[in-house]
């Protein structure tokens, strides 16, 4: 699955935060809802414009952002 198919960043949409293409639903919102205990079914029910592939792309995008973080060790 290619994240680029589902995720975009546009400075004119949600201040450039990564969103599901064609929506104003941010990757951050998806991750926070799931962290708060929403199931995939509850998330899809709450946001009927979303589908499972888009949510999985958000997971992948978030994981890539964490994997590519620069870690600076404090002295």
N, C-alpha and C. Protein backbone atom coordinates (compact mmCIF):
# COMPACT_ATOMS: atom_id res chain seq x y z
N UNK A 1 0.86 -1.18 0.00
CA UNK A 1 0.00 0.00 0.00
C UNK A 1 0.90 1.24 0.00
N UNK A 2 0.60 2.17 -0.86
CA UNK A 2 1.37 3.40 -0.93
C UNK A 2 0.65 4.51 -0.16
N UNK A 3 1.34 5.05 0.83
CA UNK A 3 0.74 6.14 1.62
C UNK A 3 0.38 7.33 0.75
N UNK A 4 1.18 7.56 -0.29
CA UNK A 4 0.96 8.72 -1.14
C UNK A 4 -0.41 8.69 -1.82
N UNK A 5 -0.98 7.53 -1.96
CA UNK A 5 -2.30 7.40 -2.55
C UNK A 5 -3.36 7.98 -1.62
N UNK A 6 -3.13 7.89 -0.32
CA UNK A 6 -4.15 8.25 0.66
C UNK A 6 -3.83 9.48 1.51
N UNK A 7 -2.56 9.82 1.67
CA UNK A 7 -2.16 10.90 2.57
C UNK A 7 -1.55 12.04 1.76
N UNK A 8 -1.92 13.26 2.15
CA UNK A 8 -1.31 14.42 1.50
C UNK A 8 -1.04 15.51 2.52
N UNK A 9 -0.10 16.39 2.18
CA UNK A 9 0.19 17.58 2.98
C UNK A 9 0.03 18.77 2.04
N UNK A 10 -0.78 19.72 2.47
CA UNK A 10 -1.04 20.90 1.66
C UNK A 10 -1.15 22.07 2.63
N UNK A 11 -0.32 23.10 2.44
CA UNK A 11 -0.35 24.22 3.39
C UNK A 11 -1.71 24.92 3.46
N UNK A 12 -2.57 24.68 2.49
CA UNK A 12 -3.89 25.32 2.47
C UNK A 12 -4.96 24.46 3.17
N UNK A 13 -4.57 23.26 3.59
CA UNK A 13 -5.51 22.36 4.26
C UNK A 13 -4.95 22.01 5.63
N UNK A 14 -5.69 22.37 6.67
CA UNK A 14 -5.31 22.06 8.06
C UNK A 14 -3.88 22.48 8.38
N UNK A 15 -3.50 23.65 7.86
CA UNK A 15 -2.18 24.24 8.12
C UNK A 15 -1.03 23.33 7.70
N UNK A 16 -1.27 22.48 6.71
CA UNK A 16 -0.21 21.63 6.19
C UNK A 16 -0.01 20.33 6.93
N UNK A 17 -0.86 20.05 7.93
CA UNK A 17 -0.76 18.76 8.61
C UNK A 17 -1.12 17.66 7.61
N UNK A 18 -0.56 16.46 7.79
CA UNK A 18 -0.93 15.36 6.90
C UNK A 18 -2.39 14.98 7.11
N UNK A 19 -3.12 14.87 6.00
CA UNK A 19 -4.55 14.54 6.03
C UNK A 19 -4.83 13.42 5.06
N UNK A 20 -5.99 12.80 5.24
CA UNK A 20 -6.48 11.86 4.24
C UNK A 20 -6.88 12.69 3.02
N UNK A 21 -6.37 12.32 1.86
CA UNK A 21 -6.64 13.08 0.64
C UNK A 21 -8.13 13.32 0.45
N UNK A 22 -8.45 14.56 0.08
CA UNK A 22 -9.83 14.91 -0.20
C UNK A 22 -10.66 15.19 1.03
N UNK A 23 -10.02 15.16 2.22
CA UNK A 23 -10.75 15.42 3.47
C UNK A 23 -9.97 16.42 4.30
N UNK A 24 -10.53 16.76 5.43
CA UNK A 24 -9.82 17.56 6.43
C UNK A 24 -9.56 16.69 7.67
N UNK A 25 -9.55 15.39 7.48
CA UNK A 25 -9.30 14.44 8.56
C UNK A 25 -7.79 14.21 8.64
N UNK A 26 -7.19 14.64 9.76
CA UNK A 26 -5.74 14.54 9.90
C UNK A 26 -5.31 13.16 10.37
N UNK A 27 -4.07 12.83 10.03
CA UNK A 27 -3.46 11.61 10.56
C UNK A 27 -3.45 11.69 12.08
N UNK A 28 -3.16 12.86 12.60
CA UNK A 28 -3.15 13.05 14.05
C UNK A 28 -4.49 12.69 14.67
N UNK A 29 -5.58 13.14 14.09
CA UNK A 29 -6.91 12.84 14.63
C UNK A 29 -7.14 11.34 14.66
N UNK A 30 -6.80 10.66 13.59
CA UNK A 30 -6.98 9.21 13.53
C UNK A 30 -6.18 8.53 14.63
N UNK A 31 -4.93 8.92 14.78
CA UNK A 31 -4.08 8.29 15.80
C UNK A 31 -4.60 8.58 17.21
N UNK A 32 -5.05 9.79 17.45
CA UNK A 32 -5.57 10.14 18.79
C UNK A 32 -6.85 9.37 19.10
N UNK A 33 -7.74 9.25 18.14
CA UNK A 33 -8.99 8.50 18.37
C UNK A 33 -8.68 7.05 18.72
N UNK A 34 -7.77 6.45 17.98
CA UNK A 34 -7.42 5.06 18.26
C UNK A 34 -6.71 4.94 19.61
N UNK A 35 -5.86 5.90 19.94
CA UNK A 35 -5.19 5.89 21.25
C UNK A 35 -6.19 6.06 22.39
N UNK A 36 -7.29 6.75 22.11
CA UNK A 36 -8.33 6.94 23.12
C UNK A 36 -9.25 5.73 23.26
N UNK A 37 -8.99 4.70 22.47
CA UNK A 37 -9.75 3.46 22.62
C UNK A 37 -10.78 3.18 21.54
N UNK A 38 -10.89 4.05 20.54
CA UNK A 38 -11.81 3.76 19.44
C UNK A 38 -11.35 2.51 18.71
N UNK A 39 -12.27 1.66 18.35
CA UNK A 39 -11.94 0.52 17.49
C UNK A 39 -11.97 1.00 16.05
N UNK A 40 -11.45 0.18 15.15
CA UNK A 40 -11.52 0.53 13.73
C UNK A 40 -12.97 0.72 13.32
N UNK A 41 -13.85 -0.16 13.77
CA UNK A 41 -15.28 -0.06 13.41
C UNK A 41 -15.89 1.24 13.92
N UNK A 42 -15.57 1.61 15.16
CA UNK A 42 -16.11 2.86 15.72
C UNK A 42 -15.58 4.07 14.97
N UNK A 43 -14.32 4.02 14.61
CA UNK A 43 -13.72 5.13 13.86
C UNK A 43 -14.41 5.28 12.50
N UNK A 44 -14.59 4.18 11.81
CA UNK A 44 -15.23 4.22 10.48
C UNK A 44 -16.69 4.63 10.59
N UNK A 45 -17.34 4.26 11.66
CA UNK A 45 -18.73 4.66 11.87
C UNK A 45 -18.82 6.16 12.17
N UNK A 46 -17.86 6.67 12.94
CA UNK A 46 -17.85 8.09 13.30
C UNK A 46 -17.48 8.99 12.12
N UNK A 47 -16.67 8.46 11.22
CA UNK A 47 -16.21 9.22 10.05
C UNK A 47 -16.54 8.42 8.80
N UNK A 48 -17.78 8.50 8.32
CA UNK A 48 -18.22 7.65 7.21
C UNK A 48 -17.47 7.89 5.90
N UNK A 49 -16.74 9.01 5.79
CA UNK A 49 -15.96 9.25 4.58
C UNK A 49 -14.64 8.49 4.58
N UNK A 50 -14.29 7.88 5.70
CA UNK A 50 -13.05 7.10 5.80
C UNK A 50 -13.29 5.65 5.43
N UNK A 51 -12.23 5.01 4.95
CA UNK A 51 -12.29 3.56 4.77
C UNK A 51 -11.06 2.95 5.44
N UNK A 52 -11.06 1.66 5.57
CA UNK A 52 -10.00 0.96 6.30
C UNK A 52 -8.63 1.19 5.68
N UNK A 53 -8.54 1.21 4.37
CA UNK A 53 -7.25 1.42 3.70
C UNK A 53 -6.67 2.79 4.05
N UNK A 54 -7.52 3.79 4.16
CA UNK A 54 -7.05 5.13 4.53
C UNK A 54 -6.52 5.15 5.96
N UNK A 55 -7.21 4.48 6.86
CA UNK A 55 -6.77 4.43 8.25
C UNK A 55 -5.43 3.68 8.35
N UNK A 56 -5.29 2.59 7.63
CA UNK A 56 -4.04 1.84 7.64
C UNK A 56 -2.90 2.67 7.05
N UNK A 57 -3.20 3.49 6.05
CA UNK A 57 -2.20 4.39 5.48
C UNK A 57 -1.77 5.42 6.52
N UNK A 58 -2.71 5.88 7.34
CA UNK A 58 -2.38 6.82 8.42
C UNK A 58 -1.44 6.15 9.42
N UNK A 59 -1.69 4.89 9.77
CA UNK A 59 -0.79 4.14 10.66
C UNK A 59 0.62 4.11 10.07
N UNK A 60 0.69 3.75 8.81
CA UNK A 60 1.97 3.62 8.13
C UNK A 60 2.70 4.95 8.09
N UNK A 61 1.97 6.01 7.80
CA UNK A 61 2.56 7.35 7.75
C UNK A 61 3.12 7.72 9.13
N UNK A 62 2.33 7.52 10.17
CA UNK A 62 2.77 7.86 11.52
C UNK A 62 4.00 7.03 11.93
N UNK A 63 4.00 5.76 11.60
CA UNK A 63 5.14 4.90 11.93
C UNK A 63 6.39 5.37 11.20
N UNK A 64 6.25 5.77 9.94
CA UNK A 64 7.40 6.28 9.19
C UNK A 64 7.93 7.57 9.80
N UNK A 65 7.05 8.43 10.26
CA UNK A 65 7.50 9.69 10.88
C UNK A 65 8.30 9.41 12.15
N UNK A 66 7.84 8.45 12.94
CA UNK A 66 8.56 8.09 14.17
C UNK A 66 9.89 7.43 13.83
N UNK A 67 9.89 6.56 12.85
CA UNK A 67 11.11 5.85 12.46
C UNK A 67 12.18 6.80 11.94
N UNK A 68 11.76 7.90 11.36
CA UNK A 68 12.72 8.83 10.77
C UNK A 68 13.04 10.02 11.66
N UNK A 69 12.63 9.96 12.92
CA UNK A 69 12.95 11.04 13.86
C UNK A 69 14.45 11.09 14.11
N UNK A 70 14.95 12.30 14.26
CA UNK A 70 16.33 12.47 14.70
C UNK A 70 16.33 12.47 16.20
N UNK A 71 17.19 11.66 16.78
CA UNK A 71 17.28 11.57 18.23
C UNK A 71 18.56 12.29 18.66
N UNK A 72 18.39 13.26 19.53
CA UNK A 72 19.50 14.03 20.04
C UNK A 72 19.68 13.68 21.51
N UNK A 73 20.84 13.18 21.84
CA UNK A 73 21.09 12.77 23.21
C UNK A 73 21.50 13.99 24.04
N UNK A 74 20.82 14.16 25.15
CA UNK A 74 21.14 15.27 26.05
C UNK A 74 22.36 14.92 26.88
N UNK A 75 23.21 15.89 27.07
CA UNK A 75 24.44 15.65 27.84
C UNK A 75 24.18 15.74 29.33
